[in-house]
Amino acid sequence: MKVKGIIRGKTIELFQELPVPNGVEIFIEIPDTTLSNPDPNWQQLQAIIGAWKDDQEIGDIFAQIDRERHADLGEPIDFDNFN
C-alpha cells in the first residue's frame, strides 16, 4: 500500500485515512531522490526530466534530424576525369 503525506518535524500527516488501527507499528520508505541532492539546479532538472516522453512532436523532430544526419549530401566524383 502506498499513501501520501507530509512531514512536519517528527510527525507525518497523511492525506487519507488508513485501514489500520491506532497503535500498529508501520514502516516508512523514503525515496532516495528525496534525500539525494538539495542543489536547486538538480531539483529543477529532475522536475523536467521526461517531460517530453509522450510528445509526438518531439518524435517527429528527432526523426527529421535522423533523416538529415543520414542523407547523402556528397558531390558525385567523375573518376574518368580525375587528375
PDB file of N, CA and C in Angstrom:
ATOM      1  N   MET A   1       0.847  -1.164   0.000  1.00  0.00           N
ATOM      2  CA  MET A   1       0.000   0.000   0.000  1.00  0.00           C
ATOM      3  C   MET A   1       0.901   1.238   0.000  1.00  0.00           C
ATOM      4  N   LYS A   2       0.533   2.215  -0.824  1.00  0.00           N
ATOM      5  CA  LYS A   2       1.245   3.484  -0.857  1.00  0.00           C
ATOM      6  C   LYS A   2       0.281   4.588  -0.462  1.00  0.00           C
ATOM      7  N   VAL A   3       0.742   5.458   0.408  1.00  0.00           N
ATOM      8  CA  VAL A   3      -0.063   6.604   0.830  1.00  0.00           C
ATOM      9  C   VAL A   3       0.821   7.843   0.819  1.00  0.00           C
ATOM     10  N   LYS A   4       0.190   8.978   0.565  1.00  0.00           N
ATOM     11  CA  LYS A   4       0.926  10.237   0.562  1.00  0.00           C
ATOM     12  C   LYS A   4       0.676  10.965   1.864  1.00  0.00           C
ATOM     13  N   GLY A   5       1.657  11.755   2.232  1.00  0.00           N
ATOM     14  CA  GLY A   5       1.548  12.562   3.427  1.00  0.00           C
ATOM     15  C   GLY A   5       2.601  13.639   3.410  1.00  0.00           C
ATOM     16  N   ILE A   6       2.672  14.380   4.478  1.00  0.00           N
ATOM     17  CA  ILE A   6       3.661  15.450   4.599  1.00  0.00           C
ATOM     18  C   ILE A   6       4.281  15.364   5.982  1.00  0.00           C
ATOM     19  N   ILE A   7       5.576  15.608   6.031  1.00  0.00           N
ATOM     20  CA  ILE A   7       6.270  15.531   7.310  1.00  0.00           C
ATOM     21  C   ILE A   7       6.334  16.926   7.933  1.00  0.00           C
ATOM     22  N   ARG A   8       6.055  16.983   9.206  1.00  0.00           N
ATOM     23  CA  ARG A   8       6.111  18.233   9.973  1.00  0.00           C
ATOM     24  C   ARG A   8       6.880  17.925  11.262  1.00  0.00           C
ATOM     25  N   GLY A   9       8.189  18.167  11.193  1.00  0.00           N
ATOM     26  CA  GLY A   9       9.034  17.817  12.343  1.00  0.00           C
ATOM     27  C   GLY A   9       9.119  16.308  12.484  1.00  0.00           C
ATOM     28  N   LYS A  10       8.675  15.788  13.638  1.00  0.00           N
ATOM     29  CA  LYS A  10       8.692  14.338  13.868  1.00  0.00           C
ATOM     30  C   LYS A  10       7.332  13.707  13.614  1.00  0.00           C
ATOM     31  N   THR A  11       6.400  14.478  13.042  1.00  0.00           N
ATOM     32  CA  THR A  11       5.050  13.986  12.781  1.00  0.00           C
ATOM     33  C   THR A  11       4.825  13.866  11.283  1.00  0.00           C
ATOM     34  N   ILE A  12       4.174  12.790  10.867  1.00  0.00           N
ATOM     35  CA  ILE A  12       3.806  12.613   9.469  1.00  0.00           C
ATOM     36  C   ILE A  12       2.289  12.702   9.379  1.00  0.00           C
ATOM     37  N   GLU A  13       1.822  13.663   8.605  1.00  0.00           N
ATOM     38  CA  GLU A  13       0.387  13.871   8.424  1.00  0.00           C
ATOM     39  C   GLU A  13      -0.021  13.220   7.100  1.00  0.00           C
ATOM     40  N   LEU A  14      -0.899  12.224   7.179  1.00  0.00           N
ATOM     41  CA  LEU A  14      -1.333  11.503   5.986  1.00  0.00           C
ATOM     42  C   LEU A  14      -2.495  12.228   5.311  1.00  0.00           C
ATOM     43  N   PHE A  15      -2.563  12.130   4.002  1.00  0.00           N
ATOM     44  CA  PHE A  15      -3.616  12.791   3.243  1.00  0.00           C
ATOM     45  C   PHE A  15      -4.894  11.964   3.189  1.00  0.00           C
ATOM     46  N   GLN A  16      -4.861  10.755   3.713  1.00  0.00           N
ATOM     47  CA  GLN A  16      -6.047   9.899   3.703  1.00  0.00           C
ATOM     48  C   GLN A  16      -6.053   9.025   4.947  1.00  0.00           C
ATOM     49  N   GLU A  17      -7.212   8.489   5.258  1.00  0.00           N
ATOM     50  CA  GLU A  17      -7.336   7.555   6.385  1.00  0.00           C
ATOM     51  C   GLU A  17      -6.752   6.206   5.968  1.00  0.00           C
ATOM     52  N   LEU A  18      -6.177   5.504   6.928  1.00  0.00           N
ATOM     53  CA  LEU A  18      -5.645   4.166   6.660  1.00  0.00           C
ATOM     54  C   LEU A  18      -6.535   3.124   7.333  1.00  0.00           C
ATOM     55  N   PRO A  19      -6.668   1.944   6.699  1.00  0.00           N
ATOM     56  CA  PRO A  19      -7.460   0.881   7.314  1.00  0.00           C
ATOM     57  C   PRO A  19      -6.627   0.102   8.339  1.00  0.00           C
ATOM     58  N   VAL A  20      -5.968   0.856   9.208  1.00  0.00           N
ATOM     59  CA  VAL A  20      -5.069   0.265  10.206  1.00  0.00           C
ATOM     60  C   VAL A  20      -5.449   0.848  11.571  1.00  0.00           C
ATOM     61  N   PRO A  21      -5.579   0.009  12.587  1.00  0.00           N
ATOM     62  CA  PRO A  21      -5.937   0.534  13.917  1.00  0.00           C
ATOM     63  C   PRO A  21      -4.799   1.346  14.535  1.00  0.00           C
ATOM     64  N   ASN A  22      -5.159   2.282  15.399  1.00  0.00           N
ATOM     65  CA  ASN A  22      -4.156   3.073  16.112  1.00  0.00           C
ATOM     66  C   ASN A  22      -3.236   2.158  16.902  1.00  0.00           C
ATOM     67  N   GLY A  23      -1.982   2.533  16.990  1.00  0.00           N
ATOM     68  CA  GLY A  23      -1.014   1.778  17.777  1.00  0.00           C
ATOM     69  C   GLY A  23      -0.263   0.724  16.986  1.00  0.00           C
ATOM     70  N   VAL A  24      -0.668   0.464  15.748  1.00  0.00           N
ATOM     71  CA  VAL A  24       0.023  -0.533  14.929  1.00  0.00           C
ATOM     72  C   VAL A  24       1.325   0.071  14.410  1.00  0.00           C
ATOM     73  N   GLU A  25       2.413  -0.676  14.539  1.00  0.00           N
ATOM     74  CA  GLU A  25       3.708  -0.199  14.046  1.00  0.00           C
ATOM     75  C   GLU A  25       3.739  -0.295  12.524  1.00  0.00           C
ATOM     76  N   ILE A  26       4.224   0.758  11.889  1.00  0.00           N
ATOM     77  CA  ILE A  26       4.345   0.759  10.433  1.00  0.00           C
ATOM     78  C   ILE A  26       5.775   1.121  10.050  1.00  0.00           C
ATOM     79  N   PHE A  27       6.140   0.860   8.811  1.00  0.00           N
ATOM     80  CA  PHE A  27       7.449   1.204   8.280  1.00  0.00           C
ATOM     81  C   PHE A  27       7.249   2.194   7.132  1.00  0.00           C
ATOM     82  N   ILE A  28       8.120   3.159   7.080  1.00  0.00           N
ATOM     83  CA  ILE A  28       8.023   4.189   6.050  1.00  0.00           C
ATOM     84  C   ILE A  28       9.271   4.110   5.182  1.00  0.00           C
ATOM     85  N   GLU A  29       9.063   4.099   3.871  1.00  0.00           N
ATOM     86  CA  GLU A  29      10.176   4.098   2.930  1.00  0.00           C
ATOM     87  C   GLU A  29      10.235   5.470   2.261  1.00  0.00           C
ATOM     88  N   ILE A  30      11.384   6.114   2.370  1.00  0.00           N
ATOM     89  CA  ILE A  30      11.566   7.432   1.774  1.00  0.00           C
ATOM     90  C   ILE A  30      12.421   7.253   0.520  1.00  0.00           C
ATOM     91  N   PRO A  31      11.916   7.704  -0.648  1.00  0.00           N
ATOM     92  CA  PRO A  31      12.684   7.536  -1.889  1.00  0.00           C
ATOM     93  C   PRO A  31      14.030   8.244  -1.809  1.00  0.00           C
ATOM     94  N   ASP A  32      15.063   7.603  -2.367  1.00  0.00           N
ATOM     95  CA  ASP A  32      16.400   8.185  -2.358  1.00  0.00           C
ATOM     96  C   ASP A  32      16.435   9.548  -3.054  1.00  0.00           C
ATOM     97  N   THR A  33      15.578   9.734  -4.064  1.00  0.00           N
ATOM     98  CA  THR A  33      15.579  11.004  -4.788  1.00  0.00           C
ATOM     99  C   THR A  33      15.195  12.163  -3.878  1.00  0.00           C
ATOM    100  N   THR A  34      14.445  11.881  -2.848  1.00  0.00           N
ATOM    101  CA  THR A  34      14.050  12.917  -1.906  1.00  0.00           C
ATOM    102  C   THR A  34      15.247  13.364  -1.064  1.00  0.00           C
ATOM    103  N   LEU A  35      16.153  12.448  -0.813  1.00  0.00           N
ATOM    104  CA  LEU A  35      17.284  12.729   0.067  1.00  0.00           C
ATOM    105  C   LEU A  35      18.543  13.125  -0.670  1.00  0.00           C
ATOM    106  N   SER A  36      18.609  12.828  -1.957  1.00  0.00           N
ATOM    107  CA  SER A  36      19.870  12.902  -2.684  1.00  0.00           C
ATOM    108  C   SER A  36      20.519  14.270  -2.710  1.00  0.00           C
ATOM    109  N   ASN A  37      20.163  15.116  -3.635  1.00  0.00           N
ATOM    110  CA  ASN A  37      20.913  16.339  -3.860  1.00  0.00           C
ATOM    111  C   ASN A  37      20.025  17.564  -3.646  1.00  0.00           C
ATOM    112  N   PRO A  38      20.304  18.359  -2.637  1.00  0.00           N
ATOM    113  CA  PRO A  38      19.468  19.533  -2.395  1.00  0.00           C
ATOM    114  C   PRO A  38      19.768  20.704  -3.343  1.00  0.00           C
ATOM    115  N   ASP A  39      20.711  20.526  -4.265  1.00  0.00           N
ATOM    116  CA  ASP A  39      21.073  21.581  -5.206  1.00  0.00           C
ATOM    117  C   ASP A  39      19.838  22.011  -6.006  1.00  0.00           C
ATOM    118  N   PRO A  40      19.498  23.298  -6.004  1.00  0.00           N
ATOM    119  CA  PRO A  40      18.287  23.765  -6.704  1.00  0.00           C
ATOM    120  C   PRO A  40      18.318  23.486  -8.203  1.00  0.00           C
ATOM    121  N   ASN A  41      19.503  23.541  -8.813  1.00  0.00           N
ATOM    122  CA  ASN A  41      19.594  23.239 -10.247  1.00  0.00           C
ATOM    123  C   ASN A  41      19.221  21.789 -10.518  1.00  0.00           C
ATOM    124  N   TRP A  42      19.680  20.890  -9.663  1.00  0.00           N
ATOM    125  CA  TRP A  42      19.352  19.473  -9.823  1.00  0.00           C
ATOM    126  C   TRP A  42      17.856  19.248  -9.611  1.00  0.00           C
ATOM    127  N   GLN A  43      17.268  19.932  -8.646  1.00  0.00           N
ATOM    128  CA  GLN A  43      15.838  19.790  -8.405  1.00  0.00           C
ATOM    129  C   GLN A  43      15.029  20.289  -9.602  1.00  0.00           C
ATOM    130  N   GLN A  44      15.455  21.380 -10.217  1.00  0.00           N
ATOM    131  CA  GLN A  44      14.768  21.878 -11.411  1.00  0.00           C
ATOM    132  C   GLN A  44      14.887  20.877 -12.554  1.00  0.00           C
ATOM    133  N   LEU A  45      16.077  20.293 -12.711  1.00  0.00           N
ATOM    134  CA  LEU A  45      16.279  19.305 -13.771  1.00  0.00           C
ATOM    135  C   LEU A  45      15.400  18.080 -13.544  1.00  0.00           C
ATOM    136  N   GLN A  46      15.333  17.605 -12.307  1.00  0.00           N
ATOM    137  CA  GLN A  46      14.507  16.444 -12.010  1.00  0.00           C
ATOM    138  C   GLN A  46      13.039  16.719 -12.314  1.00  0.00           C
ATOM    139  N   ALA A  47      12.618  17.950 -12.137  1.00  0.00           N
ATOM    140  CA  ALA A  47      11.218  18.300 -12.379  1.00  0.00           C
ATOM    141  C   ALA A  47      10.851  18.203 -13.855  1.00  0.00           C
ATOM    142  N   ILE A  48      11.830  18.378 -14.751  1.00  0.00           N
ATOM    143  CA  ILE A  48      11.506  18.351 -16.183  1.00  0.00           C
ATOM    144  C   ILE A  48      11.977  17.098 -16.903  1.00  0.00           C
ATOM    145  N   ILE A  49      12.737  16.241 -16.219  1.00  0.00           N
ATOM    146  CA  ILE A  49      13.201  15.004 -16.854  1.00  0.00           C
ATOM    147  C   ILE A  49      11.988  14.191 -17.307  1.00  0.00           C
ATOM    148  N   GLY A  50      11.980  13.822 -18.557  1.00  0.00           N
ATOM    149  CA  GLY A  50      10.900  13.009 -19.101  1.00  0.00           C
ATOM    150  C   GLY A  50       9.658  13.789 -19.493  1.00  0.00           C
ATOM    151  N   ALA A  51       9.722  15.118 -19.427  1.00  0.00           N
ATOM    152  CA  ALA A  51       8.542  15.927 -19.725  1.00  0.00           C
ATOM    153  C   ALA A  51       8.057  15.728 -21.156  1.00  0.00           C
ATOM    154  N   TRP A  52       8.971  15.432 -22.083  1.00  0.00           N
ATOM    155  CA  TRP A  52       8.595  15.256 -23.492  1.00  0.00           C
ATOM    156  C   TRP A  52       8.430  13.793 -23.865  1.00  0.00           C
ATOM    157  N   LYS A  53       8.404  12.930 -22.897  1.00  0.00           N
ATOM    158  CA  LYS A  53       8.386  11.486 -23.138  1.00  0.00           C
ATOM    159  C   LYS A  53       7.295  11.048 -24.117  1.00  0.00           C
ATOM    160  N   ASP A  54       6.097  11.530 -23.952  1.00  0.00           N
ATOM    161  CA  ASP A  54       4.982  11.097 -24.795  1.00  0.00           C
ATOM    162  C   ASP A  54       4.583  12.153 -25.827  1.00  0.00           C
ATOM    163  N   ASP A  55       5.459  13.106 -26.094  1.00  0.00           N
ATOM    164  CA  ASP A  55       5.163  14.189 -27.025  1.00  0.00           C
ATOM    165  C   ASP A  55       5.490  13.728 -28.449  1.00  0.00           C
ATOM    166  N   GLN A  56       4.467  13.538 -29.282  1.00  0.00           N
ATOM    167  CA  GLN A  56       4.665  13.053 -30.650  1.00  0.00           C
ATOM    168  C   GLN A  56       5.487  14.037 -31.471  1.00  0.00           C
ATOM    169  N   GLU A  57       5.339  15.329 -31.215  1.00  0.00           N
ATOM    170  CA  GLU A  57       6.075  16.331 -31.976  1.00  0.00           C
ATOM    171  C   GLU A  57       7.582  16.149 -31.794  1.00  0.00           C
ATOM    172  N   ILE A  58       8.012  15.821 -30.589  1.00  0.00           N
ATOM    173  CA  ILE A  58       9.439  15.589 -30.341  1.00  0.00           C
ATOM    174  C   ILE A  58       9.917  14.384 -31.133  1.00  0.00           C
ATOM    175  N   GLY A  59       9.107  13.337 -31.204  1.00  0.00           N
ATOM    176  CA  GLY A  59       9.461  12.169 -32.010  1.00  0.00           C
ATOM    177  C   GLY A  59       9.642  12.538 -33.467  1.00  0.00           C
ATOM    178  N   ASP A  60       8.761  13.387 -33.987  1.00  0.00           N
ATOM    179  CA  ASP A  60       8.864  13.832 -35.376  1.00  0.00           C
ATOM    180  C   ASP A  60      10.131  14.654 -35.597  1.00  0.00           C
ATOM    181  N   ILE A  61      10.454  15.515 -34.642  1.00  0.00           N
ATOM    182  CA  ILE A  61      11.657  16.347 -34.757  1.00  0.00           C
ATOM    183  C   ILE A  61      12.905  15.477 -34.786  1.00  0.00           C
ATOM    184  N   PHE A  62      12.990  14.505 -33.899  1.00  0.00           N
ATOM    185  CA  PHE A  62      14.168  13.641 -33.875  1.00  0.00           C
ATOM    186  C   PHE A  62      14.241  12.747 -35.120  1.00  0.00           C
ATOM    187  N   ALA A  63      13.113  12.346 -35.648  1.00  0.00           N
ATOM    188  CA  ALA A  63      13.107  11.569 -36.887  1.00  0.00           C
ATOM    189  C   ALA A  63      13.655  12.408 -38.036  1.00  0.00           C
ATOM    190  N   GLN A  64      13.264  13.679 -38.099  1.00  0.00           N
ATOM    191  CA  GLN A  64      13.775  14.581 -39.135  1.00  0.00           C
ATOM    192  C   GLN A  64      15.283  14.785 -38.978  1.00  0.00           C
ATOM    193  N   ILE A  65      15.742  14.979 -37.758  1.00  0.00           N
ATOM    194  CA  ILE A  65      17.182  15.121 -37.509  1.00  0.00           C
ATOM    195  C   ILE A  65      17.919  13.877 -37.970  1.00  0.00           C
ATOM    196  N   ASP A  66      17.364  12.694 -37.676  1.00  0.00           N
ATOM    197  CA  ASP A  66      17.991  11.436 -38.085  1.00  0.00           C
ATOM    198  C   ASP A  66      18.056  11.325 -39.603  1.00  0.00           C
ATOM    199  N   ARG A  67      16.973  11.696 -40.280  1.00  0.00           N
ATOM    200  CA  ARG A  67      16.980  11.657 -41.762  1.00  0.00           C
ATOM    201  C   ARG A  67      18.051  12.587 -42.319  1.00  0.00           C
ATOM    202  N   GLU A  68      18.148  13.793 -41.758  1.00  0.00           N
ATOM    203  CA  GLU A  68      19.142  14.753 -42.235  1.00  0.00           C
ATOM    204  C   GLU A  68      20.563  14.277 -41.953  1.00  0.00           C
ATOM    205  N   ARG A  69      20.767  13.620 -40.827  1.00  0.00           N
ATOM    206  CA  ARG A  69      22.100  13.096 -40.494  1.00  0.00           C
ATOM    207  C   ARG A  69      22.558  12.039 -41.471  1.00  0.00           C
ATOM    208  N   HIS A  70      21.616  11.237 -41.948  1.00  0.00           N
ATOM    209  CA  HIS A  70      21.979  10.121 -42.805  1.00  0.00           C
ATOM    210  C   HIS A  70      21.756  10.405 -44.293  1.00  0.00           C
ATOM    211  N   ALA A  71      21.402  11.624 -44.611  1.00  0.00           N
ATOM    212  CA  ALA A  71      21.193  11.972 -46.025  1.00  0.00           C
ATOM    213  C   ALA A  71      22.546  12.030 -46.730  1.00  0.00           C
ATOM    214  N   ASP A  72      22.575  11.595 -47.984  1.00  0.00           N
ATOM    215  CA  ASP A  72      23.793  11.649 -48.790  1.00  0.00           C
ATOM    216  C   ASP A  72      23.897  13.041 -49.392  1.00  0.00           C
ATOM    217  N   LEU A  73      24.787  13.852 -48.856  1.00  0.00           N
ATOM    218  CA  LEU A  73      24.943  15.215 -49.325  1.00  0.00           C
ATOM    219  C   LEU A  73      26.232  15.395 -50.131  1.00  0.00           C
ATOM    220  N   GLY A  74      26.885  14.308 -50.447  1.00  0.00           N
ATOM    221  CA  GLY A  74      28.157  14.380 -51.162  1.00  0.00           C
ATOM    222  C   GLY A  74      27.990  14.744 -52.636  1.00  0.00           C
ATOM    223  N   GLU A  75      29.075  15.188 -53.212  1.00  0.00           N
ATOM    224  CA  GLU A  75      29.111  15.508 -54.645  1.00  0.00           C
ATOM    225  C   GLU A  75      29.568  14.266 -55.410  1.00  0.00           C
ATOM    226  N   PRO A  76      29.005  14.036 -56.595  1.00  0.00           N
ATOM    227  CA  PRO A  76      29.480  12.896 -57.390  1.00  0.00           C
ATOM    228  C   PRO A  76      30.913  13.143 -57.883  1.00  0.00           C
ATOM    229  N   ILE A  77      31.704  12.090 -57.905  1.00  0.00           N
ATOM    230  CA  ILE A  77      33.099  12.199 -58.370  1.00  0.00           C
ATOM    231  C   ILE A  77      33.199  11.514 -59.719  1.00  0.00           C
ATOM    232  N   ASP A  78      33.770  12.244 -60.667  1.00  0.00           N
ATOM    233  CA  ASP A  78      33.995  11.701 -62.007  1.00  0.00           C
ATOM    234  C   ASP A  78      35.397  11.142 -62.044  1.00  0.00           C
ATOM    235  N   PHE A  79      35.547   9.822 -61.813  1.00  0.00           N
ATOM    236  CA  PHE A  79      36.854   9.202 -61.757  1.00  0.00           C
ATOM    237  C   PHE A  79      37.528   9.144 -63.125  1.00  0.00           C
ATOM    238  N   ASP A  80      36.783   9.257 -64.209  1.00  0.00           N
ATOM    239  CA  ASP A  80      37.370   9.220 -65.534  1.00  0.00           C
ATOM    240  C   ASP A  80      38.177  10.492 -65.820  1.00  0.00           C
ATOM    241  N   ASN A  81      37.759  11.597 -65.256  1.00  0.00           N
ATOM    242  CA  ASN A  81      38.463  12.868 -65.492  1.00  0.00           C
ATOM    243  C   ASN A  81      39.191  13.343 -64.230  1.00  0.00           C
ATOM    244  N   PHE A  82      39.534  12.418 -63.359  1.00  0.00           N
ATOM    245  CA  PHE A  82      40.199  12.744 -62.097  1.00  0.00           C
ATOM    246  C   PHE A  82      41.680  12.937 -62.358  1.00  0.00           C
ATOM    247  N   ASN A  83      42.267  14.046 -61.950  1.00  0.00           N
ATOM    248  CA  ASN A  83      43.724  14.291 -62.159  1.00  0.00           C
ATOM    249  C   ASN A  83      44.481  14.034 -60.920  1.00  0.00           C
TER     250      ASN A  83
END
